[in-house]
């Protein structure tokens, strides 16, 4: 299960998670099967959350680098005009 979720795209994780939710909401599952589906869904949700956190960190780092480049450019332009 863990390898399956690690290899899947984020979008596929979400599709699989939605399938788990649908199965649970539709009812009719045995207690054992419902527990297994719930466990799978929670693992998928955890993996999706981990990926979102990683992506958020990447975006934050990209923004910080861009901001730093812009500040340096502004300093160079300012120095050239002095």
N, C-alpha and C. Protein backbone atom coordinates (compact mmCIF):
# COMPACT_ATOMS: atom_id res chain seq x y z
N UNK A 1 0.83 -1.20 0.00
CA UNK A 1 0.00 0.00 0.00
C UNK A 1 0.86 1.25 0.00
N UNK A 2 1.88 1.28 0.85
CA UNK A 2 2.71 2.47 0.91
C UNK A 2 3.44 2.69 -0.41
N UNK A 3 3.99 1.63 -1.01
CA UNK A 3 4.66 1.77 -2.29
C UNK A 3 3.70 2.24 -3.36
N UNK A 4 2.47 1.72 -3.33
CA UNK A 4 1.45 2.12 -4.29
C UNK A 4 1.18 3.61 -4.21
N UNK A 5 1.03 4.15 -3.01
CA UNK A 5 0.74 5.57 -2.86
C UNK A 5 1.95 6.43 -3.16
N UNK A 6 3.15 5.93 -2.89
CA UNK A 6 4.36 6.71 -3.18
C UNK A 6 4.61 6.81 -4.67
N UNK A 7 4.18 5.80 -5.45
CA UNK A 7 4.41 5.79 -6.89
C UNK A 7 3.31 6.53 -7.65
N UNK A 8 2.15 6.67 -7.08
CA UNK A 8 1.03 7.31 -7.75
C UNK A 8 1.22 8.82 -7.80
N UNK A 9 0.65 9.43 -8.85
CA UNK A 9 0.67 10.89 -8.92
C UNK A 9 -0.26 11.44 -7.84
N UNK A 10 -0.11 12.71 -7.55
CA UNK A 10 -0.99 13.34 -6.57
C UNK A 10 -2.45 13.22 -7.01
N UNK A 11 -2.66 13.45 -8.30
CA UNK A 11 -4.02 13.38 -8.83
C UNK A 11 -4.61 11.98 -8.67
N UNK A 12 -3.77 10.95 -8.90
CA UNK A 12 -4.25 9.58 -8.73
C UNK A 12 -4.52 9.28 -7.26
N UNK A 13 -3.70 9.83 -6.37
CA UNK A 13 -3.97 9.67 -4.94
C UNK A 13 -5.35 10.21 -4.60
N UNK A 14 -5.67 11.37 -5.14
CA UNK A 14 -6.96 11.99 -4.86
C UNK A 14 -8.11 11.15 -5.42
N UNK A 15 -7.93 10.60 -6.62
CA UNK A 15 -8.96 9.73 -7.20
C UNK A 15 -9.17 8.51 -6.31
N UNK A 16 -8.07 7.90 -5.88
CA UNK A 16 -8.17 6.73 -5.01
C UNK A 16 -8.83 7.08 -3.67
N UNK A 17 -8.50 8.25 -3.14
CA UNK A 17 -9.11 8.69 -1.89
C UNK A 17 -10.61 8.90 -2.07
N UNK A 18 -10.99 9.52 -3.17
CA UNK A 18 -12.42 9.73 -3.45
C UNK A 18 -13.15 8.40 -3.58
N UNK A 19 -12.49 7.40 -4.17
CA UNK A 19 -13.10 6.08 -4.28
C UNK A 19 -13.33 5.47 -2.89
N UNK A 20 -12.36 5.64 -2.01
CA UNK A 20 -12.52 5.15 -0.64
C UNK A 20 -13.70 5.82 0.04
N UNK A 21 -13.79 7.13 -0.11
CA UNK A 21 -14.89 7.88 0.50
C UNK A 21 -16.23 7.40 -0.05
N UNK A 22 -16.31 7.22 -1.37
CA UNK A 22 -17.55 6.76 -1.99
C UNK A 22 -17.95 5.39 -1.47
N UNK A 23 -16.98 4.50 -1.36
CA UNK A 23 -17.28 3.15 -0.86
C UNK A 23 -17.81 3.21 0.57
N UNK A 24 -17.18 4.04 1.38
CA UNK A 24 -17.63 4.15 2.78
C UNK A 24 -19.01 4.79 2.87
N UNK A 25 -19.24 5.83 2.06
CA UNK A 25 -20.52 6.53 2.11
C UNK A 25 -21.66 5.68 1.57
N UNK A 26 -21.35 4.79 0.63
CA UNK A 26 -22.41 3.97 0.04
C UNK A 26 -22.94 2.92 1.01
N UNK A 27 -22.12 2.60 2.01
CA UNK A 27 -22.56 1.62 3.01
C UNK A 27 -22.51 0.21 2.47
N UNK A 28 -23.04 -0.70 3.23
CA UNK A 28 -23.11 -2.08 2.80
C UNK A 28 -21.81 -2.86 2.96
N UNK A 29 -20.79 -2.25 3.50
CA UNK A 29 -19.52 -2.94 3.70
C UNK A 29 -19.53 -3.63 5.06
N UNK A 30 -18.87 -4.76 5.10
CA UNK A 30 -18.71 -5.41 6.41
C UNK A 30 -17.83 -4.52 7.27
N UNK A 31 -17.88 -4.73 8.55
CA UNK A 31 -17.07 -3.93 9.47
C UNK A 31 -15.59 -4.07 9.12
N UNK A 32 -15.16 -5.28 8.83
CA UNK A 32 -13.76 -5.53 8.50
C UNK A 32 -13.36 -4.81 7.22
N UNK A 33 -14.19 -4.92 6.18
CA UNK A 33 -13.88 -4.26 4.91
C UNK A 33 -13.94 -2.74 5.06
N UNK A 34 -14.92 -2.23 5.78
CA UNK A 34 -15.02 -0.79 6.00
C UNK A 34 -13.77 -0.28 6.72
N UNK A 35 -13.28 -1.05 7.67
CA UNK A 35 -12.07 -0.66 8.39
C UNK A 35 -10.86 -0.64 7.46
N UNK A 36 -10.77 -1.63 6.58
CA UNK A 36 -9.66 -1.68 5.62
C UNK A 36 -9.72 -0.50 4.65
N UNK A 37 -10.91 -0.20 4.15
CA UNK A 37 -11.08 0.93 3.23
C UNK A 37 -10.75 2.24 3.94
N UNK A 38 -11.19 2.38 5.18
CA UNK A 38 -10.89 3.58 5.97
C UNK A 38 -9.39 3.71 6.17
N UNK A 39 -8.73 2.62 6.51
CA UNK A 39 -7.29 2.64 6.72
C UNK A 39 -6.56 3.04 5.44
N UNK A 40 -6.98 2.48 4.32
CA UNK A 40 -6.38 2.85 3.03
C UNK A 40 -6.59 4.33 2.75
N UNK A 41 -7.80 4.81 2.99
CA UNK A 41 -8.10 6.23 2.76
C UNK A 41 -7.25 7.14 3.62
N UNK A 42 -7.06 6.77 4.87
CA UNK A 42 -6.23 7.58 5.76
C UNK A 42 -4.77 7.60 5.30
N UNK A 43 -4.28 6.47 4.82
CA UNK A 43 -2.91 6.41 4.31
C UNK A 43 -2.77 7.29 3.07
N UNK A 44 -3.77 7.24 2.19
CA UNK A 44 -3.75 8.09 1.00
C UNK A 44 -3.80 9.56 1.38
N UNK A 45 -4.65 9.90 2.34
CA UNK A 45 -4.76 11.29 2.80
C UNK A 45 -3.45 11.77 3.41
N UNK A 46 -2.79 10.91 4.16
CA UNK A 46 -1.52 11.28 4.78
C UNK A 46 -0.46 11.52 3.71
N UNK A 47 -0.41 10.66 2.71
CA UNK A 47 0.56 10.83 1.62
C UNK A 47 0.27 12.10 0.83
N UNK A 48 -1.00 12.35 0.54
CA UNK A 48 -1.38 13.57 -0.18
C UNK A 48 -1.00 14.80 0.64
N UNK A 49 -1.24 14.77 1.93
CA UNK A 49 -0.87 15.90 2.80
C UNK A 49 0.63 16.12 2.84
N UNK A 50 1.39 15.03 2.87
CA UNK A 50 2.85 15.13 2.86
C UNK A 50 3.32 15.79 1.57
N UNK A 51 2.74 15.38 0.46
CA UNK A 51 3.13 15.96 -0.83
C UNK A 51 2.75 17.43 -0.92
N UNK A 52 1.58 17.78 -0.40
CA UNK A 52 1.18 19.18 -0.39
C UNK A 52 2.13 20.03 0.45
N UNK A 53 2.56 19.51 1.58
CA UNK A 53 3.50 20.23 2.44
C UNK A 53 4.83 20.43 1.73
N UNK A 54 5.31 19.39 1.06
CA UNK A 54 6.56 19.50 0.31
C UNK A 54 6.44 20.54 -0.79
N UNK A 55 5.32 20.52 -1.49
CA UNK A 55 5.11 21.47 -2.58
C UNK A 55 5.02 22.89 -2.05
N UNK A 56 4.35 23.07 -0.94
CA UNK A 56 4.25 24.40 -0.33
C UNK A 56 5.63 24.92 0.03
N UNK A 57 6.48 24.06 0.57
CA UNK A 57 7.84 24.45 0.92
C UNK A 57 8.62 24.83 -0.32
N UNK A 58 8.48 24.04 -1.39
CA UNK A 58 9.17 24.37 -2.64
C UNK A 58 8.74 25.73 -3.17
N UNK A 59 7.43 25.98 -3.17
CA UNK A 59 6.91 27.25 -3.67
C UNK A 59 7.43 28.41 -2.81
N UNK A 60 7.45 28.22 -1.50
CA UNK A 60 7.97 29.25 -0.60
C UNK A 60 9.43 29.54 -0.90
N UNK A 61 10.22 28.50 -1.14
CA UNK A 61 11.63 28.68 -1.47
C UNK A 61 11.81 29.39 -2.80
N UNK A 62 11.00 29.03 -3.78
CA UNK A 62 11.07 29.69 -5.09
C UNK A 62 10.75 31.17 -4.95
N UNK A 63 9.70 31.48 -4.20
CA UNK A 63 9.32 32.88 -3.99
C UNK A 63 10.43 33.65 -3.29
N UNK A 64 11.06 33.03 -2.30
CA UNK A 64 12.14 33.70 -1.56
C UNK A 64 13.33 33.97 -2.47
N UNK A 65 13.68 33.00 -3.32
CA UNK A 65 14.79 33.20 -4.26
C UNK A 65 14.47 34.30 -5.25
N UNK A 66 13.23 34.32 -5.75
CA UNK A 66 12.82 35.35 -6.69
C UNK A 66 12.88 36.72 -6.03
N UNK A 67 12.38 36.81 -4.82
CA UNK A 67 12.40 38.08 -4.09
C UNK A 67 13.83 38.56 -3.89
N UNK A 68 14.72 37.63 -3.55
CA UNK A 68 16.12 37.97 -3.35
C UNK A 68 16.74 38.47 -4.65
N UNK A 69 16.43 37.82 -5.76
CA UNK A 69 16.96 38.26 -7.06
C UNK A 69 16.44 39.65 -7.41
N UNK A 70 15.17 39.90 -7.13
CA UNK A 70 14.60 41.21 -7.43
C UNK A 70 15.25 42.30 -6.59
N UNK A 71 15.50 42.01 -5.32
CA UNK A 71 16.14 42.99 -4.45
C UNK A 71 17.56 43.28 -4.92
N UNK A 72 18.28 42.25 -5.34
CA UNK A 72 19.64 42.46 -5.86
C UNK A 72 19.61 43.29 -7.13
N UNK A 73 18.64 43.01 -8.01
CA UNK A 73 18.52 43.77 -9.25
C UNK A 73 18.23 45.24 -8.95
N UNK A 74 17.36 45.48 -7.99
CA UNK A 74 17.04 46.85 -7.61
C UNK A 74 18.26 47.56 -7.05
N UNK A 75 19.08 46.84 -6.26
CA UNK A 75 20.30 47.43 -5.71
C UNK A 75 21.29 47.77 -6.81
N UNK A 76 21.42 46.89 -7.79
CA UNK A 76 22.34 47.14 -8.91
C UNK A 76 21.87 48.36 -9.69
N UNK A 77 20.59 48.44 -9.97
CA UNK A 77 20.05 49.58 -10.71
C UNK A 77 20.25 50.86 -9.91
N UNK A 78 20.00 50.80 -8.62
CA UNK A 78 20.17 51.97 -7.75
C UNK A 78 21.63 52.41 -7.74
N UNK A 79 22.55 51.44 -7.61
CA UNK A 79 23.98 51.76 -7.60
C UNK A 79 24.44 52.36 -8.92
N UNK A 80 23.88 51.91 -10.03
CA UNK A 80 24.25 52.43 -11.34
C UNK A 80 23.80 53.88 -11.52
N UNK A 81 22.75 54.26 -10.85
CA UNK A 81 22.22 55.61 -10.99
C UNK A 81 22.82 56.60 -9.99
N UNK A 82 23.64 56.11 -9.11
CA UNK A 82 24.24 57.02 -8.11
C UNK A 82 25.54 57.58 -8.59
